[in-house]
Amino acid sequence: AHHELCLQRLREDVLNRIMTREEGDNGTLSYVSLSPLSKTLNIWTGTWNMGECDPPIALEEWIPSNFDITAVSVQECQVRSLPSPHSEYPEFESRAVGLLGSDYLLFSEKVGSSLREVGFHGFIALLLFVRADLVHSRVIPAITTHSLPLGKNLLVARAGNKGGISAVCEINYEVCGVGGKSSLTFIGCHLAADQSGESRLQKRNADAA
């Protein structure tokens, strides 16, 4: 019973943030009808080819910290410190986690490697920060991630020096009693580059498909 009460209060807090409210004739406040425009999630996305460079000290100059969902995609992200139990690209990730803080949960996916000697230039990664109350209230009940290497064909597989990553957020407003379900998909990729004047646009389009 206590758990259900806490969950209900959490969902009310989420509603107060993501729903537009209007005043009725008798002065009472009610949620606007279930128009898609009445439900708002503030989302920020950014992508950065790091070119094997260190992340900046002032990461807040790029990544804001006041959105419901923040999606950060990076390419050629090299390991710059000893690996931690939680990440193989800890310096960038730890700075991003420190910036967003404990109000967010992190979901991540990656493909690639830091082994330059075999042709890799770093990781292709997606960091998805979601406000914890959206997950705990089950407004966002599930987040799934996936990676796909698209580099050189190694017969049994394709190398991860090129590739794509994705994250899918399931959205369920029904738990708050204000409407239906939806989903959001975030995609990051690092595709074949032109070489020696040769256009590889056709290959990039094929890989993206």
C-alpha atoms as a PDB file:
ATOM      1  CA  ALA A   1       0.000   0.000   0.000  1.00  0.00           C
ATOM      2  CA  HIS A   2       2.825   2.386   0.867  1.00  0.00           C
ATOM      3  CA  HIS A   3       4.557   1.539  -2.405  1.00  0.00           C
ATOM      4  CA  GLU A   4       1.391   2.238  -4.415  1.00  0.00           C
ATOM      5  CA  LEU A   5       0.896   5.561  -2.629  1.00  0.00           C
ATOM      6  CA  CYS A   6       4.470   6.627  -3.387  1.00  0.00           C
ATOM      7  CA  LEU A   7       4.017   5.555  -7.009  1.00  0.00           C
ATOM      8  CA  GLN A   8       0.801   7.555  -7.319  1.00  0.00           C
ATOM      9  CA  ARG A   9       2.452  10.688  -5.930  1.00  0.00           C
ATOM     10  CA  LEU A  10       5.381  10.210  -8.274  1.00  0.00           C
ATOM     11  CA  ARG A  11       3.029   9.986 -11.252  1.00  0.00           C
ATOM     12  CA  GLU A  12       1.236  13.149 -10.115  1.00  0.00           C
ATOM     13  CA  ASP A  13       4.585  14.953 -10.008  1.00  0.00           C
ATOM     14  CA  VAL A  14       5.354  13.741 -13.519  1.00  0.00           C
ATOM     15  CA  LEU A  15       1.941  14.924 -14.732  1.00  0.00           C
ATOM     16  CA  ASN A  16       2.514  18.370 -13.279  1.00  0.00           C
ATOM     17  CA  ARG A  17       5.696  18.644 -15.344  1.00  0.00           C
ATOM     18  CA  ILE A  18       4.696  17.131 -18.681  1.00  0.00           C
ATOM     19  CA  MET A  19       1.022  18.137 -18.952  1.00  0.00           C
ATOM     20  CA  THR A  20      -0.557  21.519 -19.693  1.00  0.00           C
ATOM     21  CA  ARG A  21      -3.313  22.421 -17.255  1.00  0.00           C
ATOM     22  CA  GLU A  22      -6.207  24.857 -17.657  1.00  0.00           C
ATOM     23  CA  GLU A  23      -8.615  26.541 -15.225  1.00  0.00           C
ATOM     24  CA  GLY A  24     -12.264  25.521 -15.384  1.00  0.00           C
ATOM     25  CA  ASP A  25     -15.352  27.685 -14.934  1.00  0.00           C
ATOM     26  CA  ASN A  26     -15.503  26.990 -11.211  1.00  0.00           C
ATOM     27  CA  GLY A  27     -11.848  27.928 -10.681  1.00  0.00           C
ATOM     28  CA  THR A  28     -10.599  24.347 -10.421  1.00  0.00           C
ATOM     29  CA  LEU A  29      -7.587  23.143 -12.390  1.00  0.00           C
ATOM     30  CA  SER A  30      -7.916  20.216 -14.755  1.00  0.00           C
ATOM     31  CA  TYR A  31      -5.627  18.594 -17.281  1.00  0.00           C
ATOM     32  CA  VAL A  32      -6.124  19.625 -20.859  1.00  0.00           C
ATOM     33  CA  SER A  33      -7.922  17.053 -23.046  1.00  0.00           C
ATOM     34  CA  LEU A  34      -5.866  14.306 -24.579  1.00  0.00           C
ATOM     35  CA  SER A  35      -4.610  16.264 -27.555  1.00  0.00           C
ATOM     36  CA  PRO A  36      -1.041  15.255 -28.513  1.00  0.00           C
ATOM     37  CA  LEU A  37      -0.083  18.881 -27.959  1.00  0.00           C
ATOM     38  CA  SER A  38      -1.031  18.691 -24.289  1.00  0.00           C
ATOM     39  CA  LYS A  39       1.702  16.191 -23.401  1.00  0.00           C
ATOM     40  CA  THR A  40       5.219  17.531 -23.538  1.00  0.00           C
ATOM     41  CA  LEU A  41       8.572  15.826 -23.033  1.00  0.00           C
ATOM     42  CA  ASN A  42      11.542  18.151 -23.410  1.00  0.00           C
ATOM     43  CA  ILE A  43      14.260  16.374 -25.397  1.00  0.00           C
ATOM     44  CA  TRP A  44      17.808  17.400 -26.338  1.00  0.00           C
ATOM     45  CA  THR A  45      20.006  15.494 -28.789  1.00  0.00           C
ATOM     46  CA  GLY A  46      23.585  16.059 -29.887  1.00  0.00           C
ATOM     47  CA  THR A  47      26.255  14.229 -31.878  1.00  0.00           C
ATOM     48  CA  TRP A  48      30.024  14.707 -31.976  1.00  0.00           C
ATOM     49  CA  ASN A  49      32.853  13.076 -33.896  1.00  0.00           C
ATOM     50  CA  MET A  50      35.584  13.425 -31.279  1.00  0.00           C
ATOM     51  CA  GLY A  51      38.422  12.537 -33.672  1.00  0.00           C
ATOM     52  CA  GLU A  52      40.176  10.545 -30.896  1.00  0.00           C
ATOM     53  CA  CYS A  53      40.507  13.723 -28.793  1.00  0.00           C
ATOM     54  CA  ASP A  54      39.905  14.117 -25.068  1.00  0.00           C
ATOM     55  CA  PRO A  55      36.476  15.423 -24.011  1.00  0.00           C
ATOM     56  CA  PRO A  56      36.483  19.067 -22.907  1.00  0.00           C
ATOM     57  CA  ILE A  57      36.655  19.945 -19.233  1.00  0.00           C
ATOM     58  CA  ALA A  58      33.555  22.176 -19.499  1.00  0.00           C
ATOM     59  CA  LEU A  59      31.167  19.596 -20.920  1.00  0.00           C
ATOM     60  CA  GLU A  60      28.229  21.760 -19.809  1.00  0.00           C
ATOM     61  CA  GLU A  61      29.047  24.157 -22.651  1.00  0.00           C
ATOM     62  CA  TRP A  62      27.677  21.485 -24.979  1.00  0.00           C
ATOM     63  CA  ILE A  63      25.321  19.253 -22.981  1.00  0.00           C
ATOM     64  CA  PRO A  64      22.436  20.982 -21.130  1.00  0.00           C
ATOM     65  CA  SER A  65      21.094  19.607 -17.861  1.00  0.00           C
ATOM     66  CA  ASN A  66      17.420  20.596 -17.766  1.00  0.00           C
ATOM     67  CA  PHE A  67      15.699  18.256 -20.239  1.00  0.00           C
ATOM     68  CA  ASP A  68      13.518  15.197 -19.645  1.00  0.00           C
ATOM     69  CA  ILE A  69      15.605  13.132 -22.062  1.00  0.00           C
ATOM     70  CA  THR A  70      19.147  13.896 -23.199  1.00  0.00           C
ATOM     71  CA  ALA A  71      20.647  11.779 -25.995  1.00  0.00           C
ATOM     72  CA  VAL A  72      24.371  12.092 -26.746  1.00  0.00           C
ATOM     73  CA  SER A  73      26.004  10.282 -29.655  1.00  0.00           C
ATOM     74  CA  VAL A  74      29.785  10.230 -30.103  1.00  0.00           C
ATOM     75  CA  GLN A  75      32.103   8.775 -32.726  1.00  0.00           C
ATOM     76  CA  GLU A  76      35.844   8.032 -32.555  1.00  0.00           C
ATOM     77  CA  CYS A  77      35.686   8.247 -28.758  1.00  0.00           C
ATOM     78  CA  GLN A  78      38.980   6.866 -27.433  1.00  0.00           C
ATOM     79  CA  VAL A  79      39.706   5.453 -23.989  1.00  0.00           C
ATOM     80  CA  ARG A  80      41.600   8.133 -22.059  1.00  0.00           C
ATOM     81  CA  SER A  81      41.941   6.573 -18.613  1.00  0.00           C
ATOM     82  CA  LEU A  82      41.884   3.153 -16.978  1.00  0.00           C
ATOM     83  CA  PRO A  83      38.632   1.293 -17.651  1.00  0.00           C
ATOM     84  CA  SER A  84      36.086   1.279 -14.858  1.00  0.00           C
ATOM     85  CA  PRO A  85      33.708  -1.605 -14.090  1.00  0.00           C
ATOM     86  CA  HIS A  86      30.893   0.420 -15.662  1.00  0.00           C
ATOM     87  CA  SER A  87      32.380   1.734 -18.899  1.00  0.00           C
ATOM     88  CA  GLU A  88      35.113   1.284 -21.490  1.00  0.00           C
ATOM     89  CA  TYR A  89      35.116   5.004 -22.298  1.00  0.00           C
ATOM     90  CA  PRO A  90      34.969   6.189 -18.678  1.00  0.00           C
ATOM     91  CA  GLU A  91      36.314   9.714 -18.948  1.00  0.00           C
ATOM     92  CA  PHE A  92      33.618  11.020 -21.292  1.00  0.00           C
ATOM     93  CA  GLU A  93      30.846   9.030 -19.653  1.00  0.00           C
ATOM     94  CA  SER A  94      31.819   9.916 -16.082  1.00  0.00           C
ATOM     95  CA  ARG A  95      31.894  13.620 -16.930  1.00  0.00           C
ATOM     96  CA  ALA A  96      28.465  13.393 -18.543  1.00  0.00           C
ATOM     97  CA  VAL A  97      27.075  11.496 -15.539  1.00  0.00           C
ATOM     98  CA  GLY A  98      28.555  14.099 -13.200  1.00  0.00           C
ATOM     99  CA  LEU A  99      26.988  16.889 -15.217  1.00  0.00           C
ATOM    100  CA  LEU A 100      23.462  15.428 -15.379  1.00  0.00           C
ATOM    101  CA  GLY A 101      23.477  14.143 -11.793  1.00  0.00           C
ATOM    102  CA  SER A 102      21.376  11.660  -9.838  1.00  0.00           C
ATOM    103  CA  ASP A 103      18.049  12.928 -11.228  1.00  0.00           C
ATOM    104  CA  TYR A 104      18.807  10.929 -14.391  1.00  0.00           C
ATOM    105  CA  LEU A 105      19.285   7.271 -15.268  1.00  0.00           C
ATOM    106  CA  LEU A 106      21.830   6.353 -17.932  1.00  0.00           C
ATOM    107  CA  PHE A 107      21.233   3.836 -20.724  1.00  0.00           C
ATOM    108  CA  SER A 108      24.125   3.310 -23.137  1.00  0.00           C
ATOM    109  CA  GLU A 109      25.208   1.290 -26.150  1.00  0.00           C
ATOM    110  CA  LYS A 110      28.464   1.158 -28.086  1.00  0.00           C
ATOM    111  CA  VAL A 111      30.283  -0.510 -30.940  1.00  0.00           C
ATOM    112  CA  GLY A 112      33.958  -0.331 -31.886  1.00  0.00           C
ATOM    113  CA  SER A 113      37.263  -0.435 -30.068  1.00  0.00           C
ATOM    114  CA  SER A 114      40.212   1.709 -28.979  1.00  0.00           C
ATOM    115  CA  LEU A 115      42.778  -0.585 -30.669  1.00  0.00           C
ATOM    116  CA  ARG A 116      44.394   1.715 -33.214  1.00  0.00           C
ATOM    117  CA  GLU A 117      46.874  -0.972 -34.284  1.00  0.00           C
ATOM    118  CA  VAL A 118      44.072  -2.959 -35.950  1.00  0.00           C
ATOM    119  CA  GLY A 119      42.383   0.022 -37.568  1.00  0.00           C
ATOM    120  CA  PHE A 120      39.977   1.288 -34.929  1.00  0.00           C
ATOM    121  CA  HIS A 121      39.659   4.973 -34.054  1.00  0.00           C
ATOM    122  CA  GLY A 122      37.569   4.626 -30.919  1.00  0.00           C
ATOM    123  CA  PHE A 123      34.025   3.827 -29.910  1.00  0.00           C
ATOM    124  CA  ILE A 124      30.771   4.773 -31.582  1.00  0.00           C
ATOM    125  CA  ALA A 125      28.498   5.274 -28.592  1.00  0.00           C
ATOM    126  CA  LEU A 126      25.089   6.511 -27.542  1.00  0.00           C
ATOM    127  CA  LEU A 127      24.430   7.804 -24.027  1.00  0.00           C
ATOM    128  CA  LEU A 128      20.756   8.242 -23.187  1.00  0.00           C
ATOM    129  CA  PHE A 129      19.931  10.124 -19.985  1.00  0.00           C
ATOM    130  CA  VAL A 130      16.297   9.848 -18.856  1.00  0.00           C
ATOM    131  CA  ARG A 131      14.792  11.556 -15.834  1.00  0.00           C
ATOM    132  CA  ALA A 132      14.508   8.952 -13.113  1.00  0.00           C
ATOM    133  CA  ASP A 133      10.916   9.832 -12.213  1.00  0.00           C
ATOM    134  CA  LEU A 134       9.785   9.029 -15.779  1.00  0.00           C
ATOM    135  CA  VAL A 135      11.243   5.530 -15.419  1.00  0.00           C
ATOM    136  CA  HIS A 136      10.177   4.901 -11.803  1.00  0.00           C
ATOM    137  CA  SER A 137       6.614   6.060 -12.535  1.00  0.00           C
ATOM    138  CA  ARG A 138       6.622   3.784 -15.615  1.00  0.00           C
ATOM    139  CA  VAL A 139       5.675   6.613 -17.940  1.00  0.00           C
ATOM    140  CA  ILE A 140       8.758   5.250 -19.716  1.00  0.00           C
ATOM    141  CA  PRO A 141       8.464   1.556 -18.782  1.00  0.00           C
ATOM    142  CA  ALA A 142      11.159   0.156 -21.061  1.00  0.00           C
ATOM    143  CA  ILE A 143      14.304   1.281 -22.873  1.00  0.00           C
ATOM    144  CA  THR A 144      16.108  -1.074 -25.234  1.00  0.00           C
ATOM    145  CA  THR A 145      19.447  -0.524 -26.954  1.00  0.00           C
ATOM    146  CA  HIS A 146      21.089  -2.140 -29.955  1.00  0.00           C
ATOM    147  CA  SER A 147      24.367  -1.912 -31.867  1.00  0.00           C
ATOM    148  CA  LEU A 148      25.286  -2.919 -35.420  1.00  0.00           C
ATOM    149  CA  PRO A 149      28.872  -3.069 -36.767  1.00  0.00           C
ATOM    150  CA  LEU A 150      29.091  -1.894 -40.384  1.00  0.00           C
ATOM    151  CA  GLY A 151      32.837  -1.874 -41.052  1.00  0.00           C
ATOM    152  CA  LYS A 152      34.960  -4.129 -43.217  1.00  0.00           C
ATOM    153  CA  ASN A 153      33.534  -7.549 -44.013  1.00  0.00           C
ATOM    154  CA  LEU A 154      35.535 -10.122 -42.006  1.00  0.00           C
ATOM    155  CA  LEU A 155      33.621 -13.072 -43.515  1.00  0.00           C
ATOM    156  CA  VAL A 156      32.139 -14.201 -40.205  1.00  0.00           C
ATOM    157  CA  ALA A 157      31.160 -10.670 -39.150  1.00  0.00           C
ATOM    158  CA  ARG A 158      31.704  -7.009 -39.928  1.00  0.00           C
ATOM    159  CA  ALA A 159      34.247  -4.865 -38.110  1.00  0.00           C
ATOM    160  CA  GLY A 160      33.065  -2.273 -35.631  1.00  0.00           C
ATOM    161  CA  ASN A 161      35.142   0.656 -36.880  1.00  0.00           C
ATOM    162  CA  LYS A 162      31.953   1.812 -38.613  1.00  0.00           C
ATOM    163  CA  GLY A 163      28.451   1.164 -37.415  1.00  0.00           C
ATOM    164  CA  GLY A 164      25.314   2.336 -35.720  1.00  0.00           C
ATOM    165  CA  ILE A 165      23.705   2.295 -32.291  1.00  0.00           C
ATOM    166  CA  SER A 166      20.130   2.906 -31.235  1.00  0.00           C
ATOM    167  CA  ALA A 167      17.929   3.294 -28.177  1.00  0.00           C
ATOM    168  CA  VAL A 168      14.146   2.945 -28.122  1.00  0.00           C
ATOM    169  CA  CYS A 169      12.049   4.498 -25.338  1.00  0.00           C
ATOM    170  CA  GLU A 170       8.577   3.102 -24.850  1.00  0.00           C
ATOM    171  CA  ILE A 171       6.174   5.778 -23.570  1.00  0.00           C
ATOM    172  CA  ASN A 172       2.981   4.906 -21.702  1.00  0.00           C
ATOM    173  CA  TYR A 173       0.815   7.825 -20.630  1.00  0.00           C
ATOM    174  CA  GLU A 174      -1.956   5.398 -19.636  1.00  0.00           C
ATOM    175  CA  VAL A 175      -0.356   4.835 -16.228  1.00  0.00           C
ATOM    176  CA  CYS A 176      -1.175   8.461 -15.426  1.00  0.00           C
ATOM    177  CA  GLY A 177      -4.674   8.200 -16.868  1.00  0.00           C
ATOM    178  CA  VAL A 178      -4.083  10.741 -19.625  1.00  0.00           C
ATOM    179  CA  GLY A 179      -3.907   8.868 -22.911  1.00  0.00           C
ATOM    180  CA  GLY A 180      -2.189   6.280 -25.003  1.00  0.00           C
ATOM    181  CA  LYS A 181       1.196   4.838 -25.819  1.00  0.00           C
ATOM    182  CA  SER A 182       4.026   5.892 -28.101  1.00  0.00           C
ATOM    183  CA  SER A 183       7.758   5.432 -28.548  1.00  0.00           C
ATOM    184  CA  LEU A 184      10.904   7.407 -29.345  1.00  0.00           C
ATOM    185  CA  THR A 185      13.909   6.054 -31.234  1.00  0.00           C
ATOM    186  CA  PHE A 186      17.384   7.614 -31.010  1.00  0.00           C
ATOM    187  CA  ILE A 187      20.043   6.625 -33.551  1.00  0.00           C
ATOM    188  CA  GLY A 188      23.757   7.395 -33.794  1.00  0.00           C
ATOM    189  CA  CYS A 189      26.050   6.224 -36.568  1.00  0.00           C
ATOM    190  CA  HIS A 190      29.524   6.484 -38.093  1.00  0.00           C
ATOM    191  CA  LEU A 191      29.481   5.458 -41.745  1.00  0.00           C
ATOM    192  CA  ALA A 192      31.978   4.955 -44.564  1.00  0.00           C
ATOM    193  CA  ALA A 193      33.868   8.138 -45.494  1.00  0.00           C
ATOM    194  CA  ASP A 194      34.867   9.288 -48.965  1.00  0.00           C
ATOM    195  CA  GLN A 195      38.445   8.255 -49.807  1.00  0.00           C
ATOM    196  CA  SER A 196      40.911   9.701 -52.334  1.00  0.00           C
ATOM    197  CA  GLY A 197      38.179  11.613 -54.119  1.00  0.00           C
ATOM    198  CA  GLU A 198      35.947   8.541 -54.336  1.00  0.00           C
ATOM    199  CA  SER A 199      32.388   9.113 -53.218  1.00  0.00           C
ATOM    200  CA  ARG A 200      30.970   6.393 -50.955  1.00  0.00           C
ATOM    201  CA  LEU A 201      27.538   7.953 -50.700  1.00  0.00           C
ATOM    202  CA  GLN A 202      25.882   4.861 -52.118  1.00  0.00           C
ATOM    203  CA  LYS A 203      27.501   2.646 -49.478  1.00  0.00           C
ATOM    204  CA  ARG A 204      26.498   5.045 -46.692  1.00  0.00           C
ATOM    205  CA  ASN A 205      22.894   5.040 -47.888  1.00  0.00           C
ATOM    206  CA  ALA A 206      22.910   1.240 -48.126  1.00  0.00           C
ATOM    207  CA  ASP A 207      24.326   0.865 -44.605  1.00  0.00           C
ATOM    208  CA  ALA A 208      21.847   3.398 -43.217  1.00  0.00           C
ATOM    209  CA  ALA A 209      18.977   1.450 -44.752  1.00  0.00           C
END
